[in-house]
Amino acid sequence: MFNAVRWLTQQDDRESWWAVSEGNQFKIRIEKINTAWKVVRMEVAGSIPLALFMICMALIFTEVESLKQSYVPALFVMGDSLSDNGNNNFLPSVAKADFLPYGIDFPLGPTGRFCNGRTVSDYFGEFLDIPFVPPYLNPTTRGPNVMRGVNYASAAAGILEETGRNYGSRISFSQQVSNFGITAREIAVQLGSAQAAAKYISKSIFLFSFGSNDYINNYLQPSIYATSRRYSQQGFRDLLLSEYSKQLSALYEIGARKFVVSSVGPLGCIPEQLANTNSNGICVNSVNGLVEDFNGGLRKLMGYLNENLPGATFVSQSSSYSTVMDIINHPRSYGMLRSGEIPWANYLQCLGFSMPQQRSICVLGCLPPN
């Protein structure tokens, strides 16, 4: 009978819905304040029998409640500088993005996002009608402020505990998982029971971006890390995937059920690799080969977890690599400039001439400003 039942707003104590019947004969807006539904607006084309009106109301309330079962209540973000939205501002680390040109296209300016504007996770939240989720380390990210989601990501962090230590403090993958455990207990307090929290968390989406730093700030830094001497390329890949599986499984045990895992982008094309190899702007194929091998293993891991963790859904965002390569090869199609055309002041800062330690952080992880 109804073409659409559309969620309009949801606040702490109010939900507002708009229902439209076929042919637009009957329109009604209802709000639920605390536990009571109230009709706040109704439009009827002509007269409508009372019995039909009552049936319509019953159907609307039923459909609203049904749609709410698929509603995504919160977004929880874990990862590295591609997703960090300010956690490293609170850490003694050289991997920070709280200064220009970072944030030049963001409404709030530099916030700690390693991006000119919004990050991929910001756009993901917007698609879900979820406001910018707060960074975990912000002291205000507690109590009711965690109910729409939290960002745990930390620049320089990796899948492995040791990754990124050359930048100082960062929140590793395992610590991000532990931090979510604290948030889960806060959600239980807010909702009144562990059972309600488990249901809430199971409907939420978890977004991940890990793996870049394990290569550019670990395996490909032999003067600092011993991993390239301990492991073959395949052995290191397997080590990363094993640890990734371990942490995702730990989140599953806490109650997470909806996972979106990003693949790693073409690291052989980032400024650091281009500068280290004197490649004249040509992507380093050997580094990109490592990434493609890891991404292939990650896709297989997602399939394995889907088969072995009942009730969970793992989605591999495997287009990350190909999308970034297309941006590099056809920048103007995305409203971007080629690196050789970027204003030198910004380009030199990105390369790290003002802060050499940050050179590796310049990984493509943003979308064009809008």
Protein backbone atom coordinates (compact mmCIF):
# COMPACT_ATOMS: atom_id res chain seq x y z
CA MET A 1 0.00 0.00 0.00
CA PHE A 2 2.87 2.38 0.74
CA ASN A 3 5.50 3.53 -1.75
CA ALA A 4 7.85 4.80 0.94
CA VAL A 5 8.34 5.06 4.65
CA ARG A 6 11.31 7.38 5.07
CA TRP A 7 13.30 8.08 8.22
CA LEU A 8 13.65 11.82 8.68
CA THR A 9 15.35 12.49 11.99
CA GLN A 10 16.32 10.63 15.09
CA GLN A 11 17.43 12.43 18.21
CA ASP A 12 17.92 11.23 21.77
CA ASP A 13 14.18 11.22 22.52
CA ARG A 14 12.43 11.68 19.18
CA GLU A 15 11.96 9.80 15.92
CA SER A 16 10.16 11.32 12.94
CA TRP A 17 8.81 9.33 9.99
CA TRP A 18 6.92 10.22 6.81
CA ALA A 19 4.72 7.69 5.03
CA VAL A 20 3.23 8.02 1.54
CA SER A 21 0.50 5.76 0.15
CA GLU A 22 0.32 4.61 -3.44
CA GLY A 23 -0.99 7.38 -5.67
CA ASN A 24 -0.20 9.95 -2.95
CA GLN A 25 -3.79 9.65 -1.67
CA PHE A 26 -2.71 9.49 1.93
CA LYS A 27 0.33 11.13 3.56
CA ILE A 28 1.14 11.20 7.23
CA ARG A 29 4.02 12.25 9.43
CA ILE A 30 4.37 10.63 12.81
CA GLU A 31 6.76 11.18 15.68
CA LYS A 32 7.69 8.94 18.55
CA ILE A 33 8.52 10.95 21.65
CA ASN A 34 9.91 8.71 24.38
CA THR A 35 7.60 5.69 23.95
CA ALA A 36 4.45 7.29 22.50
CA TRP A 37 3.65 7.70 18.80
CA LYS A 38 1.89 10.94 17.81
CA VAL A 39 0.50 12.13 14.48
CA VAL A 40 2.02 15.56 13.78
CA ARG A 41 0.87 16.08 10.18
CA MET A 42 -1.60 14.41 7.82
CA GLU A 43 -2.56 15.06 4.21
CA VAL A 44 -5.54 13.29 2.59
CA ALA A 45 -6.62 13.66 -1.06
CA GLY A 46 -10.43 13.75 -0.64
CA SER A 47 -12.30 11.85 2.05
CA ILE A 48 -11.20 8.56 3.56
CA PRO A 49 -13.34 6.13 5.62
CA LEU A 50 -12.45 5.87 9.30
CA ALA A 51 -11.87 2.11 8.99
CA LEU A 52 -9.43 2.61 6.15
CA PHE A 53 -7.72 5.36 8.13
CA MET A 54 -7.23 3.02 11.10
CA ILE A 55 -5.86 0.28 8.81
CA CYS A 56 -3.45 2.76 7.24
CA MET A 57 -2.23 3.89 10.66
CA ALA A 58 -1.67 0.31 11.77
CA LEU A 59 0.27 -0.46 8.59
CA ILE A 60 2.41 2.66 8.98
CA PHE A 61 3.41 1.86 12.55
CA THR A 62 4.14 -1.75 11.61
CA GLU A 63 6.27 -0.76 8.64
CA VAL A 64 8.17 1.87 10.62
CA GLU A 65 9.07 -0.67 13.28
CA SER A 66 10.05 -3.18 10.58
CA LEU A 67 12.33 -0.70 8.84
CA LYS A 68 13.93 0.19 12.14
CA GLN A 69 15.13 -3.40 12.39
CA SER A 70 17.48 -2.70 9.46
CA TYR A 71 18.48 0.76 10.71
CA VAL A 72 22.23 1.18 11.30
CA PRO A 73 22.48 2.82 14.73
CA ALA A 74 26.22 3.50 14.79
CA LEU A 75 29.49 3.50 12.83
CA PHE A 76 32.73 2.39 14.45
CA VAL A 77 35.94 3.22 12.57
CA MET A 78 39.33 1.60 13.05
CA GLY A 79 42.49 2.13 11.07
CA ASP A 80 45.43 4.40 10.36
CA SER A 81 45.93 7.90 8.93
CA LEU A 82 43.40 7.21 6.18
CA SER A 83 40.69 7.29 8.88
CA ASP A 84 42.19 9.15 11.85
CA ASN A 85 39.98 12.16 12.57
CA GLY A 86 41.89 13.57 15.52
CA ASN A 87 43.07 10.81 17.86
CA ASN A 88 46.74 11.57 17.27
CA ASN A 89 46.12 15.16 18.38
CA PHE A 90 46.07 13.70 21.90
CA LEU A 91 49.27 11.64 21.53
CA PRO A 92 52.99 12.48 21.71
CA SER A 93 53.53 11.70 18.04
CA VAL A 94 55.04 13.42 15.01
CA ALA A 95 52.23 11.89 12.92
CA LYS A 96 49.75 14.74 13.29
CA ALA A 97 47.53 16.63 10.85
CA ASP A 98 46.28 19.54 12.93
CA PHE A 99 47.84 22.20 10.70
CA LEU A 100 47.36 23.54 7.18
CA PRO A 101 47.15 22.51 4.37
CA TYR A 102 45.31 19.61 6.04
CA GLY A 103 41.64 20.53 6.40
CA ILE A 104 41.80 23.32 3.84
CA ASP A 105 38.48 22.13 2.36
CA PHE A 106 36.94 20.91 5.62
CA PRO A 107 34.28 23.09 7.32
CA LEU A 108 36.12 22.98 10.65
CA GLY A 109 39.60 23.41 9.18
CA PRO A 110 42.49 21.19 10.36
CA THR A 111 41.02 18.66 12.79
CA GLY A 112 43.58 15.88 12.68
CA ARG A 113 42.26 14.35 9.45
CA PHE A 114 45.11 13.54 7.07
CA CYS A 115 43.11 15.01 4.25
CA ASN A 116 42.18 18.27 2.59
CA GLY A 117 38.51 17.64 3.44
CA ARG A 118 36.41 14.70 4.51
CA THR A 119 37.83 11.19 4.67
CA VAL A 120 36.29 8.06 3.19
CA SER A 121 34.88 7.14 6.60
CA ASP A 122 33.23 10.58 6.81
CA TYR A 123 31.46 9.97 3.52
CA PHE A 124 30.54 6.47 4.66
CA GLY A 125 28.88 7.91 7.75
CA GLU A 126 27.07 10.52 5.68
CA PHE A 127 25.62 7.76 3.51
CA LEU A 128 24.25 6.14 6.68
CA ASP A 129 22.82 9.46 7.96
CA ILE A 130 25.32 9.37 10.82
CA PRO A 131 27.05 12.64 11.84
CA PHE A 132 30.85 12.85 12.08
CA VAL A 133 31.74 10.29 14.73
CA PRO A 134 34.07 11.63 17.44
CA PRO A 135 37.68 10.50 18.00
CA TYR A 136 37.99 8.05 20.87
CA LEU A 137 40.72 9.97 22.69
CA ASN A 138 38.70 13.16 22.88
CA PRO A 139 37.73 13.43 26.57
CA THR A 140 34.11 14.20 25.59
CA THR A 141 33.72 10.89 23.73
CA ARG A 142 31.97 9.19 26.60
CA GLY A 143 28.44 8.38 27.74
CA PRO A 144 25.71 9.40 25.27
CA ASN A 145 28.33 10.77 22.85
CA VAL A 146 29.34 7.24 21.81
CA MET A 147 25.87 6.15 20.73
CA ARG A 148 26.17 7.07 17.03
CA GLY A 149 29.68 5.68 16.76
CA VAL A 150 33.33 6.31 17.59
CA ASN A 151 36.52 6.67 15.54
CA TYR A 152 39.48 4.74 17.01
CA ALA A 153 41.86 5.19 14.06
CA SER A 154 45.37 6.44 14.66
CA ALA A 155 47.94 7.68 12.15
CA ALA A 156 51.02 5.43 11.85
CA ALA A 157 49.13 2.49 13.38
CA GLY A 158 49.32 -0.92 11.78
CA ILE A 159 48.13 -4.47 12.03
CA LEU A 160 51.31 -5.36 13.92
CA GLU A 161 52.00 -3.93 17.34
CA GLU A 162 55.46 -2.59 16.44
CA THR A 163 54.45 -0.87 13.22
CA GLY A 164 54.85 2.91 13.21
CA ARG A 165 56.94 3.15 16.36
CA ASN A 166 59.33 5.46 14.48
CA TYR A 167 56.60 8.13 14.70
CA GLY A 168 56.16 7.89 18.45
CA SER A 169 52.86 7.01 20.12
CA ARG A 170 49.99 5.56 18.10
CA ILE A 171 47.04 3.29 18.82
CA SER A 172 47.72 -0.17 17.41
CA PHE A 173 45.00 -2.41 15.97
CA SER A 174 44.86 -4.54 19.10
CA GLN A 175 44.57 -1.45 21.32
CA GLN A 176 41.79 -0.06 19.13
CA VAL A 177 39.91 -3.31 19.63
CA SER A 178 40.44 -3.04 23.39
CA ASN A 179 39.20 0.54 23.32
CA PHE A 180 36.01 -0.60 21.59
CA GLY A 181 35.51 -3.06 24.44
CA ILE A 182 35.37 -0.08 26.79
CA THR A 183 32.88 1.65 24.49
CA ALA A 184 30.72 -1.49 24.40
CA ARG A 185 30.42 -1.37 28.18
CA GLU A 186 29.44 2.30 27.98
CA ILE A 187 26.74 1.44 25.45
CA ALA A 188 25.38 -1.18 27.86
CA VAL A 189 25.17 1.46 30.58
CA GLN A 190 23.34 3.86 28.24
CA LEU A 191 20.85 1.22 27.09
CA GLY A 192 20.38 -0.36 30.48
CA SER A 193 21.55 -3.91 29.79
CA ALA A 194 24.25 -5.98 28.11
CA GLN A 195 21.57 -7.69 26.01
CA ALA A 196 20.34 -4.39 24.57
CA ALA A 197 23.93 -3.34 23.89
CA ALA A 198 24.65 -6.61 22.08
CA LYS A 199 21.66 -6.07 19.79
CA TYR A 200 22.68 -2.46 19.16
CA ILE A 201 26.29 -3.38 18.35
CA SER A 202 25.23 -6.24 16.06
CA LYS A 203 23.33 -3.76 13.88
CA SER A 204 26.20 -1.27 13.76
CA ILE A 205 28.82 -1.17 11.01
CA PHE A 206 32.56 -1.49 11.62
CA LEU A 207 34.88 0.09 9.05
CA PHE A 208 38.58 -0.82 8.78
CA SER A 209 41.62 0.58 6.96
CA PHE A 210 44.83 -1.21 7.94
CA GLY A 211 47.93 -2.54 6.21
CA SER A 212 49.59 0.48 4.61
CA ASN A 213 51.88 1.26 7.53
CA ASP A 214 52.86 -2.37 7.98
CA TYR A 215 54.63 -2.01 4.65
CA ILE A 216 55.82 1.59 4.37
CA ASN A 217 56.55 1.98 8.09
CA ASN A 218 57.77 -1.52 8.83
CA TYR A 219 58.63 -4.05 6.12
CA LEU A 220 60.04 -1.46 3.71
CA GLN A 221 62.15 0.21 6.42
CA PRO A 222 64.99 -2.31 6.90
CA SER A 223 67.17 0.20 8.74
CA ILE A 224 64.55 0.42 11.51
CA TYR A 225 62.66 -2.89 11.42
CA ALA A 226 63.94 -6.45 11.08
CA THR A 227 60.80 -7.91 9.49
CA SER A 228 62.19 -7.90 5.93
CA ARG A 229 65.08 -10.06 7.16
CA ARG A 230 62.90 -12.40 9.21
CA TYR A 231 60.13 -12.97 6.69
CA SER A 232 59.84 -13.53 2.99
CA GLN A 233 57.28 -11.39 1.19
CA GLN A 234 54.74 -14.22 1.36
CA GLY A 235 55.62 -14.94 4.99
CA PHE A 236 55.07 -11.32 5.98
CA ARG A 237 51.76 -11.23 4.12
CA ASP A 238 50.60 -14.33 5.98
CA LEU A 239 51.70 -12.81 9.30
CA LEU A 240 49.61 -9.70 8.63
CA LEU A 241 46.56 -11.69 7.57
CA SER A 242 46.79 -13.96 10.60
CA GLU A 243 46.87 -10.97 12.96
CA TYR A 244 44.06 -9.25 11.04
CA SER A 245 41.93 -12.36 11.44
CA LYS A 246 42.73 -12.50 15.14
CA GLN A 247 41.58 -8.92 15.78
CA LEU A 248 38.42 -9.21 13.67
CA SER A 249 37.55 -12.40 15.55
CA ALA A 250 38.08 -10.57 18.85
CA LEU A 251 35.58 -7.92 17.76
CA TYR A 252 33.16 -10.67 16.76
CA GLU A 253 33.39 -12.04 20.30
CA ILE A 254 32.52 -8.60 21.67
CA GLY A 255 29.44 -8.49 19.45
CA ALA A 256 30.41 -6.94 16.10
CA ARG A 257 28.63 -8.54 13.12
CA LYS A 258 28.90 -6.13 10.17
CA PHE A 259 32.43 -5.58 8.88
CA VAL A 260 33.63 -3.46 5.94
CA VAL A 261 37.34 -3.95 5.31
CA SER A 262 39.26 -1.67 2.93
CA SER A 263 42.06 -3.03 0.79
CA VAL A 264 45.42 -1.26 0.67
CA GLY A 265 46.02 1.35 -2.02
CA PRO A 266 48.97 1.50 -4.44
CA LEU A 267 51.75 2.35 -1.99
CA GLY A 268 54.30 2.30 -4.80
CA CYS A 269 52.78 5.59 -5.98
CA ILE A 270 52.97 7.64 -2.78
CA PRO A 271 55.44 10.57 -2.57
CA GLU A 272 57.77 8.77 -0.16
CA GLN A 273 58.32 5.80 -2.44
CA LEU A 274 58.72 8.03 -5.50
CA ALA A 275 61.30 10.14 -3.66
CA ASN A 276 63.24 7.16 -2.25
CA THR A 277 63.60 5.42 -5.59
CA ASN A 278 64.18 8.45 -7.84
CA SER A 279 61.55 6.99 -10.15
CA ASN A 280 60.82 10.25 -12.01
CA GLY A 281 57.22 10.06 -10.95
CA ILE A 282 56.67 6.47 -12.08
CA CYS A 283 55.02 4.15 -9.54
CA VAL A 284 57.29 1.52 -7.99
CA ASN A 285 56.01 -1.80 -9.34
CA SER A 286 57.79 -3.95 -6.74
CA VAL A 287 55.98 -2.16 -3.89
CA ASN A 288 52.64 -2.29 -5.67
CA GLY A 289 53.21 -6.00 -6.19
CA LEU A 290 53.47 -6.49 -2.41
CA VAL A 291 50.20 -4.62 -1.97
CA GLU A 292 48.34 -6.59 -4.63
CA ASP A 293 49.50 -9.84 -3.05
CA PHE A 294 48.25 -8.69 0.36
CA ASN A 295 44.91 -7.54 -1.07
CA GLY A 296 44.39 -10.91 -2.72
CA GLY A 297 44.96 -12.64 0.61
CA LEU A 298 42.61 -10.20 2.33
CA ARG A 299 39.78 -11.07 -0.06
CA LYS A 300 40.28 -14.77 0.70
CA LEU A 301 40.31 -14.01 4.43
CA MET A 302 36.95 -12.24 4.14
CA GLY A 303 35.49 -15.30 2.46
CA TYR A 304 36.89 -17.58 5.16
CA LEU A 305 35.47 -15.45 8.00
CA ASN A 306 32.07 -15.26 6.30
CA GLU A 307 31.96 -19.05 6.28
CA ASN A 308 33.25 -19.59 9.81
CA LEU A 309 31.76 -16.83 11.97
CA PRO A 310 27.98 -17.44 12.10
CA GLY A 311 25.78 -14.37 11.72
CA ALA A 312 28.62 -12.11 10.60
CA THR A 313 29.00 -10.33 7.28
CA PHE A 314 32.44 -9.38 6.01
CA VAL A 315 32.65 -7.11 2.98
CA SER A 316 35.99 -6.49 1.28
CA GLN A 317 36.23 -2.99 -0.18
CA SER A 318 38.57 -4.38 -2.82
CA SER A 319 38.17 -1.52 -5.27
CA SER A 320 40.39 0.80 -3.20
CA TYR A 321 43.53 -0.10 -5.14
CA SER A 322 42.02 0.18 -8.62
CA THR A 323 40.13 3.38 -7.75
CA VAL A 324 43.26 5.16 -6.53
CA MET A 325 45.20 3.99 -9.58
CA ASP A 326 42.49 5.44 -11.79
CA ILE A 327 42.74 8.74 -9.91
CA ILE A 328 46.51 8.75 -10.44
CA ASN A 329 46.22 7.95 -14.12
CA HIS A 330 43.23 10.24 -14.82
CA PRO A 331 43.35 12.96 -12.12
CA ARG A 332 41.39 15.58 -14.01
CA SER A 333 38.42 13.23 -14.25
CA TYR A 334 38.19 13.52 -10.46
CA GLY A 335 38.77 17.27 -10.27
CA MET A 336 42.40 16.87 -9.23
CA LEU A 337 45.75 18.09 -10.51
CA ARG A 338 48.79 16.04 -11.37
CA SER A 339 51.53 16.15 -8.73
CA GLY A 340 53.73 18.24 -10.99
CA GLU A 341 51.01 20.89 -11.13
CA ILE A 342 50.35 21.07 -7.38
CA PRO A 343 51.41 24.43 -5.85
CA TRP A 344 54.94 23.89 -4.60
CA ALA A 345 54.31 25.15 -1.07
CA ASN A 346 51.69 22.46 -0.48
CA TYR A 347 53.64 19.79 -2.37
CA LEU A 348 56.82 20.35 -0.35
CA GLN A 349 54.86 20.24 2.89
CA CYS A 350 53.22 17.02 1.80
CA LEU A 351 56.60 15.52 0.98
CA GLY A 352 57.70 16.46 4.47
CA PHE A 353 60.35 19.10 3.87
CA SER A 354 59.03 21.02 6.86
CA MET A 355 58.60 17.87 8.95
CA PRO A 356 60.66 15.02 7.43
CA GLN A 357 59.11 12.43 9.73
CA GLN A 358 55.71 12.89 8.10
CA ARG A 359 56.75 12.03 4.56
CA SER A 360 55.32 8.52 4.77
CA ILE A 361 51.97 9.79 5.97
CA CYS A 362 51.17 11.26 2.55
CA VAL A 363 48.99 8.39 1.38
CA LEU A 364 46.04 8.99 -0.93
CA GLY A 365 43.05 8.65 1.32
CA CYS A 366 40.77 11.56 0.54
CA LEU A 367 38.13 12.46 -1.96
CA PRO A 368 37.94 15.69 -3.98
CA PRO A 369 36.48 18.67 -2.10
CA ASN A 370 32.83 19.49 -2.64
